[in-house]
Structures are given as C-alpha cells and as structure tokens.
Amino acid sequence: MVGVAISTMALVAVMSVFNGLEDLIRGLFSSFDSELQITPTSGKSFLVTEEWLDALSKVEGVEVITEVIEDNALLEYQGNQHVARVKAVSDNYFEHDRFSKGYFWGDTTLGDSLRPGALLGRGVAFALSANLDDINSVLNIYYPKAPKSAASLDPNQLYASGQVEPRGFFSIEQGVDNEYVLVPLDFFKELLDYGQKRTALELKVAPEYSISSVQEAVQLHLGADFAVKNADEQHATLIRTVKLEKLFVFLTLTFILALASFNIFFSLSMLAIEKKKDLAVLKAMGAKNALIRGIFLKQGALVAFSGALLGLVLGLLLVGAQEKFGLISLGIASGVVDAYPVRVHWPDLAWISLVVVAITLAASWRPAWIAAQVDPVKEL
C-alpha cells in the first residue's frame, strides 16, 4: 500500500510540475505575443488598406488591431554589430498589456516621427553593449535591398539604413530576449519601402468575448488566404514539446508503478500458498471458485484504492507546499520564477487514479486465479 501511495504521489507531483511549466510558458509569451495573430498563408507580406482594416475591426469581439512588419536586420551600436529580428509595431501596441510579466528597464515608448526609439531584448542589448544612459549614441539598423543597377559599384545602393534611440530593455524569455528589437511601424516601413504592406496583424479580444469564438469569426471573415492563430498556435512546437515530455514522463512513471506492483503479486501469491488448507476447507464447505477469487481480488482492490487515495492526498499536499513555500528551487538564476511552478490539473488526477487501480488489480488477478484452483482432496 505504501509503495502504491508513493508512486501515486510521484505521478501527481510530476504532472503538476509539467502543468506549471506549460502555464509559465504561456504567461511569459503572452507578455510579448498577441491573443490572435493574422499572417498570410502564402508569401511574406500582404496589402493592408484603411477599408480592409475598418471591415476587420467591425468583426464582433475585435477590440484592438496592431499592424506589424517583422524581418531580420543588421544592428550596429558603437561599433558592435548583431543580427536581430526587428519587429515594427503601430502606436497601439501597448494596449495589449505588453510586458506584464518578466522584467523591463527604461521607457515604454517608441518615440515619435522625429526621434524614433527602440526597445531591445536583454540578449540583444548585451550583444551590442547598449547603454540607456548614453543619450548621444544611436542604434543603426541596416537592411539589404536590391541594387537599382546590376553594374553599380556604390555600396550605399546595397542596403537601406536608419537610426533609432535605445529607449528600454525587456527580459521575457531567452529566445525572445536574444532575438527581438521593437521599433515604430512608420520608421521601419520607410526603411524597407513597404508602403501599405504588412507581415502580420495582432488582435486583442474584447473581455466579454472568448478568444476561440473571435478566432473563428475572424477566420471566416478573412477566408483561406490568411491564418488566424491563437497564443498556443503561435508557439505550437514548444507547447507540443512540453506535452510530449509530460506524456513520456507519465508513461515512465507508470512503468515504474507496474514494476512496484510485483510486490502485490508476490505477496498475494505467497498468501494463496500459505492459506491452501483454509481455502480447501472453504471449498469443501461449498465455496465456489468465484468466491475464492473475489476474496483475493478484494484484497488487491483494498491495497489499490487505499494506496491511490493516500498517494493523491500526499501528492496534493506536496504540490500545495511547493506552490506556497517554493520547497524545490529551479537551481538557476531565473528572472521570472525561483522555484518549480506547479498546477493541479484535475483530469490528470482521474487518469492517475485509473492507471494505479488498473495496474494493481491486474497484479492481483493471477494470485486470485491460483487460489481458486486449490484442490480440497489433495490439501485435506
């Protein structure tokens, strides 16, 4: 019973940790990503007109539409160079509750048309040795372009360049921190000569509407030429990886539980051998094989249900203590959480209970069958 309880407790704790990590990932990316993102199904960009945006804004549930141009560019700051992902956004970008999690230093504005500013991921800022206090240094952005003449030797025709002021640093997640720089939309579209073209649109859903219903409505409005993705779909690979890891850990711990159930098998088998004479007496008195099997199966069920219940209680207590006191640290200098995040997912508890009971009862079946085969004539 103790063995079953410990295995059940381990399953509850590990599943809760993976649920916590999944929620942490979603929470971190929600500070940078939008609730819904619109991208073209083919090509890199698409044309956006005022009439087209007005029609999209009238879709029920759409509260904020942010225009986005995103592309790779070369950054240069005081002689230091770094290739990063430049994300140009319209003025209403911060209406999406950006940077609600993680860390932020500096000014959460992107300047104006005369003095455009930039917000740098912490990794990009470190690579460039950017300094917010140095107001005399600017960040140069270079973007390659096709030369007007194939025979031209002028290097200035090979790239477009612009300057922005570093206004702030953000730290959300390592992949984002090491890759992204935010700049004003008007500045970057002139640098890339994009005009009315955009690479994506980011939508904020009104509080009284569900994201899934608005996603369906927007997809129906735009048709098959556009992909409308929610937060999970924007990072589908990462979320899928966490869920696969959770599944394989669950299967591994279930296998360990199956090995532990051999204790139940051998214990009941030894009990059946030890009680042969008693079983023979019962049979001589008229007990049927089903009654003998039921005795041993009930004993196995007692171990299974008692162990599962005790394990669930201990697991929930352990998860609650971890959530409140942070008993087990991540062991890294994390800027977001210090201890392993946990969250109890109630369907997980149902699956854990089902697996524990099924394995334990399966281990009890063979000893019950052996006990029912006792021959009263031989034993008495």
Protein backbone atom coordinates (compact mmCIF):
# COMPACT_ATOMS: atom_id res chain seq x y z
CA MET A 1 0.00 0.00 0.00
CA VAL A 2 2.86 2.39 0.81
CA GLY A 3 4.54 1.55 -2.49
CA VAL A 4 1.36 2.36 -4.42
CA ALA A 5 0.93 5.57 -2.42
CA ILE A 6 4.49 6.77 -3.14
CA SER A 7 4.15 6.01 -6.86
CA THR A 8 0.83 7.87 -6.99
CA MET A 9 2.29 10.84 -5.12
CA ALA A 10 5.21 10.98 -7.58
CA LEU A 11 2.81 10.95 -10.54
CA VAL A 12 0.73 13.78 -9.06
CA ALA A 13 3.81 15.89 -8.30
CA VAL A 14 5.49 15.42 -11.69
CA MET A 15 2.30 16.01 -13.70
CA SER A 16 1.67 19.19 -11.69
CA VAL A 17 5.18 20.46 -12.44
CA PHE A 18 4.68 19.98 -16.18
CA ASN A 19 1.32 21.76 -15.96
CA GLY A 20 3.05 24.60 -14.12
CA LEU A 21 5.80 24.84 -16.74
CA GLU A 22 3.19 24.91 -19.50
CA ASP A 23 1.35 27.76 -17.76
CA LEU A 24 4.64 29.60 -17.18
CA ILE A 25 5.50 29.40 -20.88
CA ARG A 26 2.07 30.68 -21.85
CA GLY A 27 2.29 33.50 -19.32
CA LEU A 28 5.73 34.62 -20.48
CA PHE A 29 4.86 34.64 -24.16
CA SER A 30 1.54 36.40 -23.50
CA SER A 31 3.60 39.42 -22.42
CA PHE A 32 5.08 39.66 -25.89
CA ASP A 33 2.64 37.91 -28.22
CA SER A 34 -0.93 38.80 -29.03
CA GLU A 35 -4.11 36.88 -28.27
CA LEU A 36 -4.66 36.42 -32.01
CA GLN A 37 -2.23 36.83 -34.89
CA ILE A 38 -3.10 37.14 -38.58
CA THR A 39 -0.49 36.06 -41.15
CA PRO A 40 -0.73 35.24 -44.86
CA THR A 41 -0.88 31.56 -45.76
CA SER A 42 1.48 32.19 -48.68
CA GLY A 43 4.10 34.84 -49.18
CA LYS A 44 5.84 37.08 -46.71
CA SER A 45 3.53 40.07 -46.61
CA PHE A 46 0.08 41.24 -47.61
CA LEU A 47 -1.55 44.54 -48.57
CA VAL A 48 -3.47 46.42 -45.88
CA THR A 49 -5.83 49.28 -46.74
CA GLU A 50 -7.92 51.52 -44.49
CA GLU A 51 -11.15 49.99 -45.81
CA TRP A 52 -9.84 46.47 -45.20
CA LEU A 53 -8.84 47.33 -41.61
CA ASP A 54 -12.19 49.03 -40.94
CA ALA A 55 -14.04 45.92 -42.09
CA LEU A 56 -11.85 43.73 -39.87
CA SER A 57 -12.35 45.99 -36.85
CA LYS A 58 -16.12 45.52 -37.19
CA VAL A 59 -15.85 41.78 -36.61
CA GLU A 60 -17.59 41.11 -33.30
CA GLY A 61 -15.11 40.76 -30.43
CA VAL A 62 -12.14 42.53 -32.03
CA GLU A 63 -11.03 45.34 -29.71
CA VAL A 64 -7.52 46.38 -30.90
CA ILE A 65 -5.73 45.80 -34.22
CA THR A 66 -1.97 46.32 -34.27
CA GLU A 67 -0.10 46.42 -37.58
CA VAL A 68 3.24 44.59 -37.69
CA ILE A 69 6.23 44.46 -40.03
CA GLU A 70 8.82 41.91 -38.95
CA ASP A 71 12.12 40.99 -40.60
CA ASN A 72 15.79 40.32 -39.91
CA ALA A 73 18.22 43.24 -39.99
CA LEU A 74 21.77 44.11 -39.03
CA LEU A 75 22.15 46.28 -35.92
CA GLU A 76 25.18 48.43 -35.12
CA TYR A 77 25.83 50.30 -31.88
CA GLN A 78 29.18 51.99 -31.18
CA GLY A 79 31.00 49.58 -33.48
CA ASN A 80 29.27 46.45 -32.14
CA GLN A 81 27.19 44.52 -34.66
CA HIS A 82 24.44 41.95 -34.22
CA VAL A 83 21.80 40.39 -36.49
CA ALA A 84 18.37 40.52 -34.84
CA ARG A 85 14.68 40.24 -35.58
CA VAL A 86 13.25 43.74 -35.91
CA LYS A 87 9.56 43.96 -35.10
CA ALA A 88 7.91 47.23 -36.12
CA VAL A 89 4.54 47.90 -34.47
CA SER A 90 1.88 50.60 -34.65
CA ASP A 91 1.22 53.03 -31.81
CA ASN A 92 -1.48 50.92 -30.13
CA TYR A 93 0.95 48.05 -29.45
CA PHE A 94 0.99 48.69 -25.69
CA GLU A 95 -2.80 48.50 -25.49
CA HIS A 96 -2.32 44.69 -25.48
CA ASP A 97 -0.99 44.76 -21.86
CA ARG A 98 2.57 44.14 -23.02
CA PHE A 99 5.40 43.25 -20.62
CA SER A 100 3.01 42.40 -17.77
CA LYS A 101 5.43 39.59 -16.84
CA GLY A 102 9.19 39.45 -16.93
CA TYR A 103 11.41 42.49 -16.46
CA PHE A 104 11.62 45.87 -18.16
CA TRP A 105 14.09 48.73 -17.89
CA GLY A 106 13.70 52.19 -19.35
CA ASP A 107 10.86 53.94 -21.15
CA THR A 108 7.93 52.00 -22.64
CA THR A 109 7.58 54.29 -25.64
CA LEU A 110 8.88 54.09 -29.16
CA GLY A 111 9.50 57.82 -29.59
CA ASP A 112 7.96 59.90 -32.33
CA SER A 113 8.46 60.54 -36.03
CA LEU A 114 11.36 62.93 -35.39
CA ARG A 115 13.14 60.78 -32.79
CA PRO A 116 12.10 57.13 -33.21
CA GLY A 117 13.03 54.83 -30.34
CA ALA A 118 13.71 51.12 -29.91
CA LEU A 119 13.10 48.56 -27.17
CA LEU A 120 15.78 45.88 -27.13
CA GLY A 121 15.66 42.36 -25.78
CA ARG A 122 18.17 41.88 -22.99
CA GLY A 123 20.27 39.43 -25.02
CA VAL A 124 20.42 41.83 -27.98
CA ALA A 125 21.34 44.71 -25.66
CA PHE A 126 24.17 42.69 -24.12
CA ALA A 127 25.48 41.67 -27.55
CA LEU A 128 25.60 45.33 -28.61
CA SER A 129 26.73 46.67 -25.19
CA ALA A 130 23.88 49.15 -25.41
CA ASN A 131 23.66 51.82 -22.71
CA LEU A 132 20.40 53.64 -21.98
CA ASP A 133 22.22 56.44 -20.19
CA ASP A 134 24.32 57.33 -23.25
CA ILE A 135 21.90 59.69 -24.97
CA ASN A 136 24.43 60.64 -27.65
CA SER A 137 24.72 57.14 -29.15
CA VAL A 138 22.18 55.79 -31.59
CA LEU A 139 21.31 52.35 -32.88
CA ASN A 140 21.89 51.94 -36.62
CA ILE A 141 19.69 49.47 -38.50
CA TYR A 142 20.77 48.13 -41.89
CA TYR A 143 18.52 46.21 -44.25
CA PRO A 144 19.70 44.73 -47.60
CA LYS A 145 17.96 45.78 -50.78
CA ALA A 146 18.27 45.01 -54.45
CA PRO A 147 20.57 47.47 -56.27
CA LYS A 148 19.00 49.69 -58.91
CA SER A 149 21.67 48.64 -61.37
CA ALA A 150 23.46 45.30 -61.53
CA ALA A 151 26.65 47.05 -62.61
CA SER A 152 26.57 49.57 -59.77
CA LEU A 153 29.65 49.69 -57.51
CA ASP A 154 28.11 52.05 -54.97
CA PRO A 155 27.76 50.09 -51.68
CA ASN A 156 25.09 52.51 -50.47
CA GLN A 157 22.73 51.01 -53.05
CA LEU A 158 23.05 47.57 -51.45
CA TYR A 159 21.34 48.44 -48.20
CA ALA A 160 18.96 50.85 -46.54
CA SER A 161 19.80 52.29 -43.16
CA GLY A 162 18.11 54.22 -40.36
CA GLN A 163 18.78 55.35 -36.81
CA VAL A 164 16.78 54.88 -33.62
CA GLU A 165 17.41 55.70 -29.97
CA PRO A 166 17.57 52.82 -27.46
CA ARG A 167 14.70 53.58 -25.06
CA GLY A 168 14.42 50.41 -22.96
CA PHE A 169 15.37 46.76 -22.43
CA PHE A 170 12.98 43.86 -21.81
CA SER A 171 13.52 40.35 -20.49
CA ILE A 172 10.73 37.83 -21.05
CA GLU A 173 12.16 34.55 -22.33
CA GLN A 174 15.64 33.72 -23.59
CA GLY A 175 14.58 33.10 -27.18
CA VAL A 176 12.74 36.44 -27.34
CA ASP A 177 15.42 38.34 -25.38
CA ASN A 178 18.21 37.21 -27.72
CA GLU A 179 16.34 37.90 -30.93
CA TYR A 180 13.88 40.80 -30.88
CA VAL A 181 14.02 44.57 -31.16
CA LEU A 182 10.86 46.71 -31.23
CA VAL A 183 10.72 49.86 -33.38
CA PRO A 184 7.95 52.19 -34.67
CA LEU A 185 6.00 50.99 -37.68
CA ASP A 186 6.38 54.22 -39.69
CA PHE A 187 10.16 54.17 -39.30
CA PHE A 188 10.61 50.56 -40.42
CA LYS A 189 8.14 50.63 -43.32
CA GLU A 190 10.06 53.56 -44.83
CA LEU A 191 13.35 51.73 -44.28
CA LEU A 192 12.01 48.62 -46.06
CA ASP A 193 9.93 50.64 -48.56
CA TYR A 194 6.89 48.52 -47.61
CA GLY A 195 4.20 51.14 -48.13
CA GLN A 196 0.85 49.54 -47.20
CA LYS A 197 2.27 46.01 -46.94
CA ARG A 198 2.37 44.26 -43.56
CA THR A 199 3.75 40.91 -42.44
CA ALA A 200 1.17 40.35 -39.66
CA LEU A 201 -1.67 41.84 -37.68
CA GLU A 202 -2.08 41.34 -33.94
CA LEU A 203 -5.55 41.39 -32.40
CA LYS A 204 -6.73 41.95 -28.85
CA VAL A 205 -10.07 40.35 -27.98
CA ALA A 206 -12.70 42.26 -26.04
CA PRO A 207 -13.03 40.95 -22.43
CA GLU A 208 -16.63 39.80 -22.83
CA TYR A 209 -15.76 37.51 -25.77
CA SER A 210 -13.89 34.20 -25.85
CA ILE A 211 -10.71 34.02 -27.90
CA SER A 212 -11.85 30.87 -29.72
CA SER A 213 -15.13 32.42 -30.88
CA VAL A 214 -13.42 35.58 -32.15
CA GLN A 215 -10.76 33.45 -33.86
CA GLU A 216 -13.46 31.55 -35.75
CA ALA A 217 -15.25 34.78 -36.70
CA VAL A 218 -12.06 36.45 -37.97
CA GLN A 219 -11.05 33.33 -39.91
CA LEU A 220 -14.48 33.21 -41.53
CA HIS A 221 -14.24 36.91 -42.39
CA LEU A 222 -10.74 36.67 -43.95
CA GLY A 223 -11.05 33.33 -45.72
CA ALA A 224 -8.41 30.76 -46.65
CA ASP A 225 -5.78 33.32 -47.71
CA PHE A 226 -4.97 34.10 -44.07
CA ALA A 227 -4.08 32.07 -40.99
CA VAL A 228 -5.53 33.22 -37.66
CA LYS A 229 -3.53 31.78 -34.75
CA ASN A 230 -4.15 31.91 -31.03
CA ALA A 231 -1.34 32.14 -28.46
CA ASP A 232 -0.73 28.37 -28.33
CA GLU A 233 -0.67 28.04 -32.11
CA GLN A 234 1.92 30.82 -32.39
CA HIS A 235 4.28 28.57 -30.36
CA ALA A 236 2.81 25.22 -31.32
CA THR A 237 6.18 23.43 -31.43
CA LEU A 238 7.19 24.48 -27.93
CA ILE A 239 3.79 23.68 -26.38
CA ARG A 240 3.73 20.32 -28.18
CA THR A 241 7.22 19.53 -26.87
CA VAL A 242 6.17 20.17 -23.27
CA LYS A 243 3.08 17.99 -23.68
CA LEU A 244 5.13 15.18 -25.24
CA GLU A 245 7.62 15.34 -22.39
CA LYS A 246 4.74 15.18 -19.93
CA LEU A 247 3.32 12.13 -21.72
CA PHE A 248 6.62 10.24 -21.76
CA VAL A 249 7.30 11.02 -18.10
CA PHE A 250 3.81 9.77 -17.26
CA LEU A 251 4.47 6.55 -19.18
CA THR A 252 7.85 6.12 -17.49
CA LEU A 253 6.41 6.54 -14.00
CA THR A 254 3.55 4.22 -14.92
CA PHE A 255 6.11 1.58 -15.91
CA ILE A 256 7.84 2.05 -12.55
CA LEU A 257 4.47 1.63 -10.86
CA ALA A 258 3.94 -1.58 -12.82
CA LEU A 259 7.26 -2.88 -11.53
CA ALA A 260 6.28 -1.91 -7.99
CA SER A 261 3.03 -3.83 -8.40
CA PHE A 262 5.07 -7.07 -8.48
CA ASN A 263 5.19 -6.69 -4.68
CA ILE A 264 1.43 -7.06 -4.64
CA PHE A 265 1.64 -10.04 -6.99
CA PHE A 266 4.18 -11.91 -4.89
CA SER A 267 2.50 -11.01 -1.59
CA LEU A 268 -0.86 -12.33 -2.73
CA SER A 269 0.78 -15.38 -4.32
CA MET A 270 2.53 -16.25 -1.04
CA LEU A 271 -0.75 -15.70 0.79
CA ALA A 272 -2.53 -18.11 -1.57
CA ILE A 273 0.14 -20.75 -0.93
CA GLU A 274 0.08 -20.19 2.80
CA LYS A 275 -3.72 -20.41 3.02
CA LYS A 276 -4.15 -23.53 0.86
CA LYS A 277 -5.67 -25.57 3.71
CA ASP A 278 -8.07 -22.77 4.64
CA LEU A 279 -9.09 -22.42 1.01
CA ALA A 280 -9.57 -26.18 0.78
CA VAL A 281 -11.86 -26.06 3.83
CA LEU A 282 -13.90 -23.28 2.26
CA LYS A 283 -14.25 -25.26 -0.94
CA ALA A 284 -15.22 -28.39 0.99
CA MET A 285 -17.95 -26.35 2.66
CA GLY A 286 -19.30 -25.39 -0.77
CA ALA A 287 -17.42 -22.19 -1.67
CA LYS A 288 -17.33 -21.56 -5.41
CA ASN A 289 -14.21 -20.55 -7.36
CA ALA A 290 -15.73 -17.09 -7.90
CA LEU A 291 -15.94 -16.56 -4.15
CA ILE A 292 -12.27 -17.53 -3.66
CA ARG A 293 -11.17 -15.26 -6.49
CA GLY A 294 -13.29 -12.44 -5.08
CA ILE A 295 -11.54 -12.66 -1.70
CA PHE A 296 -8.11 -12.08 -3.23
CA LEU A 297 -9.31 -9.50 -5.72
CA LYS A 298 -10.94 -7.55 -2.90
CA GLN A 299 -7.68 -7.61 -1.00
CA GLY A 300 -5.89 -6.29 -4.09
CA ALA A 301 -8.61 -3.65 -4.50
CA LEU A 302 -8.16 -2.63 -0.86
CA VAL A 303 -4.44 -2.07 -1.50
CA ALA A 304 -5.14 -0.28 -4.79
CA PHE A 305 -7.82 2.14 -3.60
CA SER A 306 -6.21 2.82 -0.22
CA GLY A 307 -2.79 3.40 -1.78
CA ALA A 308 -4.21 5.57 -4.59
CA LEU A 309 -6.23 7.68 -2.14
CA LEU A 310 -3.30 8.12 0.22
CA GLY A 311 -0.99 8.96 -2.71
CA LEU A 312 -3.41 11.54 -4.10
CA VAL A 313 -3.69 13.25 -0.71
CA LEU A 314 0.09 13.27 -0.19
CA GLY A 315 0.65 14.47 -3.76
CA LEU A 316 -1.80 17.35 -3.37
CA LEU A 317 -0.21 18.33 -0.06
CA LEU A 318 3.25 18.28 -1.66
CA VAL A 319 2.08 20.36 -4.63
CA GLY A 320 0.36 22.83 -2.30
CA ALA A 321 3.52 23.19 -0.19
CA GLN A 322 5.62 23.72 -3.33
CA GLU A 323 3.21 26.37 -4.61
CA LYS A 324 3.13 28.25 -1.30
CA PHE A 325 6.67 27.86 0.04
CA GLY A 326 8.75 27.03 -3.10
CA LEU A 327 10.38 23.99 -1.48
CA ILE A 328 12.32 22.92 -4.59
CA SER A 329 14.26 25.62 -6.44
CA LEU A 330 14.88 25.68 -10.18
CA GLY A 331 18.58 25.93 -9.42
CA ILE A 332 19.11 28.71 -11.97
CA ALA A 333 19.15 32.49 -11.75
CA SER A 334 15.71 32.95 -13.29
CA GLY A 335 14.35 36.44 -13.62
CA VAL A 336 10.75 35.23 -13.50
CA VAL A 337 10.40 32.36 -11.00
CA ASP A 338 12.75 30.92 -8.40
CA ALA A 339 11.00 27.62 -7.65
CA TYR A 340 9.39 24.99 -9.87
CA PRO A 341 5.92 26.20 -10.90
CA VAL A 342 3.08 23.75 -10.22
CA ARG A 343 -0.60 23.49 -11.07
CA VAL A 344 -3.05 20.68 -10.39
CA HIS A 345 -4.97 19.60 -13.48
CA TRP A 346 -7.97 17.60 -12.25
CA PRO A 347 -8.26 15.33 -15.33
CA ASP A 348 -4.67 14.26 -14.60
CA LEU A 349 -5.77 13.05 -11.17
CA ALA A 350 -8.53 10.98 -12.77
CA TRP A 351 -6.07 9.37 -15.22
CA ILE A 352 -3.54 8.70 -12.45
CA SER A 353 -6.18 7.06 -10.26
CA LEU A 354 -7.44 4.95 -13.16
CA VAL A 355 -3.95 3.75 -14.08
CA VAL A 356 -2.97 2.97 -10.48
CA VAL A 357 -6.13 0.98 -9.78
CA ALA A 358 -5.97 -0.86 -13.12
CA ILE A 359 -2.33 -1.93 -12.66
CA THR A 360 -2.87 -3.01 -9.05
CA LEU A 361 -5.98 -5.04 -9.86
CA ALA A 362 -4.19 -6.63 -12.81
CA ALA A 363 -1.39 -7.69 -10.46
CA SER A 364 -4.00 -9.27 -8.17
CA TRP A 365 -5.70 -11.34 -10.85
CA ARG A 366 -3.13 -14.13 -11.20
CA PRO A 367 -2.84 -14.88 -7.44
CA ALA A 368 -6.65 -14.88 -7.22
CA TRP A 369 -6.84 -17.40 -10.05
CA ILE A 370 -4.18 -19.60 -8.41
CA ALA A 371 -6.08 -19.55 -5.12
CA ALA A 372 -9.29 -20.62 -6.87
CA GLN A 373 -7.54 -23.72 -8.29
CA VAL A 374 -6.90 -25.31 -4.88
CA ASP A 375 -7.98 -28.97 -4.82
CA PRO A 376 -9.67 -29.86 -1.47
CA VAL A 377 -8.94 -33.57 -1.95
CA LYS A 378 -5.16 -33.03 -2.18
CA GLU A 379 -4.94 -30.44 0.57
CA LEU A 380 -7.19 -32.21 3.07
